[in-house]
Amino acid sequence: MRIRVHLFARLRDIAQQVMVEVELPAPCTVGQLRAELTRSYPLLEPMLPHCAIGINGELADATAEIPEDAEVAILPPVSGGSRA
Protein backbone atom coordinates (compact mmCIF):
# COMPACT_ATOMS: atom_id res chain seq x y z
CA MET A 1 0.00 0.00 0.00
CA ARG A 2 1.14 3.53 -0.69
CA ILE A 3 1.44 5.77 2.37
CA ARG A 4 1.69 9.54 2.11
CA VAL A 5 3.56 11.06 5.03
CA HIS A 6 3.44 14.74 5.93
CA LEU A 7 6.72 16.11 7.28
CA PHE A 8 7.00 19.08 9.61
CA ALA A 9 9.67 21.52 10.78
CA ARG A 10 13.25 20.24 10.56
CA LEU A 11 12.17 16.98 8.87
CA ARG A 12 10.70 18.99 6.00
CA ASP A 13 13.93 20.98 5.73
CA ILE A 14 16.10 17.85 5.65
CA ALA A 15 13.96 15.98 3.10
CA GLN A 16 13.32 19.19 1.12
CA GLN A 17 9.74 18.00 0.76
CA VAL A 18 6.47 18.66 2.56
CA MET A 19 5.22 15.15 1.86
CA VAL A 20 6.89 11.87 0.94
CA GLU A 21 5.38 8.59 -0.25
CA VAL A 22 6.47 5.09 0.67
CA GLU A 23 5.23 1.71 -0.48
CA LEU A 24 4.72 -0.99 2.15
CA PRO A 25 2.81 -4.26 2.20
CA ALA A 26 -0.59 -4.12 3.91
CA PRO A 27 -1.08 -4.30 6.78
CA CYS A 28 1.88 -2.33 8.05
CA THR A 29 2.82 -0.76 11.36
CA VAL A 30 4.30 2.55 12.42
CA GLY A 31 7.56 0.69 13.15
CA GLN A 32 7.69 -0.64 9.59
CA LEU A 33 6.99 2.85 8.25
CA ARG A 34 9.79 4.32 10.37
CA ALA A 35 12.21 1.63 9.09
CA GLU A 36 11.24 2.29 5.46
CA LEU A 37 11.63 6.05 5.88
CA THR A 38 15.09 5.48 7.35
CA ARG A 39 16.00 3.33 4.34
CA SER A 40 14.50 5.68 1.75
CA TYR A 41 15.59 8.95 3.39
CA PRO A 42 18.82 8.22 5.29
CA LEU A 43 19.32 11.87 6.28
CA LEU A 44 16.18 11.60 8.44
CA GLU A 45 17.58 8.65 10.41
CA PRO A 46 19.05 10.62 13.35
CA MET A 47 15.73 12.37 14.03
CA LEU A 48 13.16 9.64 13.37
CA PRO A 49 13.56 7.75 16.68
CA HIS A 50 12.68 10.97 18.54
CA CYS A 51 9.66 11.93 16.45
CA ALA A 52 5.99 11.43 17.20
CA ILE A 53 3.92 9.82 14.47
CA GLY A 54 0.26 10.63 14.09
CA ILE A 55 -2.31 8.57 12.22
CA ASN A 56 -5.54 10.35 11.37
CA GLY A 57 -4.89 12.95 14.07
CA GLU A 58 -4.02 10.51 16.87
CA LEU A 59 -0.51 9.77 18.15
CA ALA A 60 0.51 6.18 17.52
CA ASP A 61 3.16 3.84 18.94
CA ALA A 62 5.41 1.56 16.89
CA THR A 63 2.94 -1.34 16.96
CA ALA A 64 -0.04 0.64 15.65
CA GLU A 65 -1.31 -0.49 12.26
CA ILE A 66 -1.67 2.10 9.54
CA PRO A 67 -5.02 1.79 7.77
CA GLU A 68 -5.47 2.23 4.03
CA ASP A 69 -5.77 5.92 3.04
CA ALA A 70 -4.63 7.11 6.47
CA GLU A 71 -3.34 10.60 7.02
CA VAL A 72 0.14 10.16 8.52
CA ALA A 73 2.21 12.97 10.02
CA ILE A 74 5.66 12.94 11.56
CA LEU A 75 6.31 15.56 14.20
CA PRO A 76 9.81 16.27 15.45
CA PRO A 77 10.34 16.93 19.16
CA VAL A 78 9.60 20.46 20.30
CA SER A 79 11.79 22.36 22.69
CA GLY A 80 12.35 25.87 23.83
CA GLY A 81 9.75 28.48 24.47
CA SER A 82 9.73 31.40 26.84
CA ARG A 83 9.45 31.46 30.57
CA ALA A 84 7.31 34.02 32.28
C-alpha atoms as a PDB file:
ATOM      1  CA  MET A   1       0.000   0.000   0.000  1.00  0.00           C
ATOM      2  CA  ARG A   2       1.138   3.534  -0.691  1.00  0.00           C
ATOM      3  CA  ILE A   3       1.442   5.769   2.373  1.00  0.00           C
ATOM      4  CA  ARG A   4       1.693   9.535   2.108  1.00  0.00           C
ATOM      5  CA  VAL A   5       3.558  11.055   5.030  1.00  0.00           C
ATOM      6  CA  HIS A   6       3.436  14.739   5.932  1.00  0.00           C
ATOM      7  CA  LEU A   7       6.718  16.115   7.278  1.00  0.00           C
ATOM      8  CA  PHE A   8       6.995  19.078   9.607  1.00  0.00           C
ATOM      9  CA  ALA A   9       9.669  21.524  10.776  1.00  0.00           C
ATOM     10  CA  ARG A  10      13.254  20.239  10.564  1.00  0.00           C
ATOM     11  CA  LEU A  11      12.166  16.983   8.869  1.00  0.00           C
ATOM     12  CA  ARG A  12      10.701  18.995   6.004  1.00  0.00           C
ATOM     13  CA  ASP A  13      13.931  20.977   5.730  1.00  0.00           C
ATOM     14  CA  ILE A  14      16.098  17.852   5.646  1.00  0.00           C
ATOM     15  CA  ALA A  15      13.959  15.984   3.105  1.00  0.00           C
ATOM     16  CA  GLN A  16      13.315  19.186   1.120  1.00  0.00           C
ATOM     17  CA  GLN A  17       9.736  18.001   0.757  1.00  0.00           C
ATOM     18  CA  VAL A  18       6.474  18.661   2.560  1.00  0.00           C
ATOM     19  CA  MET A  19       5.223  15.153   1.856  1.00  0.00           C
ATOM     20  CA  VAL A  20       6.885  11.867   0.942  1.00  0.00           C
ATOM     21  CA  GLU A  21       5.379   8.592  -0.250  1.00  0.00           C
ATOM     22  CA  VAL A  22       6.473   5.088   0.673  1.00  0.00           C
ATOM     23  CA  GLU A  23       5.234   1.712  -0.482  1.00  0.00           C
ATOM     24  CA  LEU A  24       4.724  -0.991   2.148  1.00  0.00           C
ATOM     25  CA  PRO A  25       2.806  -4.263   2.203  1.00  0.00           C
ATOM     26  CA  ALA A  26      -0.587  -4.119   3.906  1.00  0.00           C
ATOM     27  CA  PRO A  27      -1.083  -4.302   6.782  1.00  0.00           C
ATOM     28  CA  CYS A  28       1.884  -2.326   8.051  1.00  0.00           C
ATOM     29  CA  THR A  29       2.818  -0.763  11.360  1.00  0.00           C
ATOM     30  CA  VAL A  30       4.305   2.551  12.416  1.00  0.00           C
ATOM     31  CA  GLY A  31       7.559   0.687  13.154  1.00  0.00           C
ATOM     32  CA  GLN A  32       7.691  -0.644   9.594  1.00  0.00           C
ATOM     33  CA  LEU A  33       6.992   2.847   8.250  1.00  0.00           C
ATOM     34  CA  ARG A  34       9.787   4.316  10.370  1.00  0.00           C
ATOM     35  CA  ALA A  35      12.209   1.630   9.086  1.00  0.00           C
ATOM     36  CA  GLU A  36      11.242   2.291   5.459  1.00  0.00           C
ATOM     37  CA  LEU A  37      11.630   6.049   5.884  1.00  0.00           C
ATOM     38  CA  THR A  38      15.089   5.475   7.351  1.00  0.00           C
ATOM     39  CA  ARG A  39      16.003   3.333   4.344  1.00  0.00           C
ATOM     40  CA  SER A  40      14.505   5.681   1.749  1.00  0.00           C
ATOM     41  CA  TYR A  41      15.589   8.953   3.387  1.00  0.00           C
ATOM     42  CA  PRO A  42      18.825   8.225   5.288  1.00  0.00           C
ATOM     43  CA  LEU A  43      19.323  11.870   6.279  1.00  0.00           C
ATOM     44  CA  LEU A  44      16.178  11.601   8.438  1.00  0.00           C
ATOM     45  CA  GLU A  45      17.577   8.652  10.410  1.00  0.00           C
ATOM     46  CA  PRO A  46      19.053  10.620  13.352  1.00  0.00           C
ATOM     47  CA  MET A  47      15.733  12.373  14.035  1.00  0.00           C
ATOM     48  CA  LEU A  48      13.162   9.644  13.373  1.00  0.00           C
ATOM     49  CA  PRO A  49      13.563   7.753  16.675  1.00  0.00           C
ATOM     50  CA  HIS A  50      12.683  10.972  18.538  1.00  0.00           C
ATOM     51  CA  CYS A  51       9.661  11.935  16.452  1.00  0.00           C
ATOM     52  CA  ALA A  52       5.992  11.429  17.198  1.00  0.00           C
ATOM     53  CA  ILE A  53       3.915   9.817  14.471  1.00  0.00           C
ATOM     54  CA  GLY A  54       0.264  10.625  14.089  1.00  0.00           C
ATOM     55  CA  ILE A  55      -2.306   8.567  12.224  1.00  0.00           C
ATOM     56  CA  ASN A  56      -5.538  10.349  11.373  1.00  0.00           C
ATOM     57  CA  GLY A  57      -4.893  12.954  14.068  1.00  0.00           C
ATOM     58  CA  GLU A  58      -4.019  10.509  16.866  1.00  0.00           C
ATOM     59  CA  LEU A  59      -0.507   9.770  18.146  1.00  0.00           C
ATOM     60  CA  ALA A  60       0.511   6.178  17.522  1.00  0.00           C
ATOM     61  CA  ASP A  61       3.156   3.844  18.936  1.00  0.00           C
ATOM     62  CA  ALA A  62       5.408   1.558  16.889  1.00  0.00           C
ATOM     63  CA  THR A  63       2.938  -1.344  16.957  1.00  0.00           C
ATOM     64  CA  ALA A  64      -0.039   0.643  15.645  1.00  0.00           C
ATOM     65  CA  GLU A  65      -1.312  -0.485  12.257  1.00  0.00           C
ATOM     66  CA  ILE A  66      -1.674   2.102   9.535  1.00  0.00           C
ATOM     67  CA  PRO A  67      -5.023   1.793   7.770  1.00  0.00           C
ATOM     68  CA  GLU A  68      -5.467   2.225   4.027  1.00  0.00           C
ATOM     69  CA  ASP A  69      -5.773   5.921   3.035  1.00  0.00           C
ATOM     70  CA  ALA A  70      -4.632   7.107   6.473  1.00  0.00           C
ATOM     71  CA  GLU A  71      -3.339  10.601   7.018  1.00  0.00           C
ATOM     72  CA  VAL A  72       0.137  10.157   8.522  1.00  0.00           C
ATOM     73  CA  ALA A  73       2.212  12.970  10.018  1.00  0.00           C
ATOM     74  CA  ILE A  74       5.662  12.944  11.563  1.00  0.00           C
ATOM     75  CA  LEU A  75       6.309  15.563  14.204  1.00  0.00           C
ATOM     76  CA  PRO A  76       9.807  16.275  15.453  1.00  0.00           C
ATOM     77  CA  PRO A  77      10.343  16.930  19.159  1.00  0.00           C
ATOM     78  CA  VAL A  78       9.601  20.459  20.301  1.00  0.00           C
ATOM     79  CA  SER A  79      11.793  22.358  22.689  1.00  0.00           C
ATOM     80  CA  GLY A  80      12.350  25.871  23.832  1.00  0.00           C
ATOM     81  CA  GLY A  81       9.745  28.484  24.466  1.00  0.00           C
ATOM     82  CA  SER A  82       9.727  31.399  26.843  1.00  0.00           C
ATOM     83  CA  ARG A  83       9.452  31.458  30.571  1.00  0.00           C
ATOM     84  CA  ALA A  84       7.307  34.022  32.282  1.00  0.00           C
END
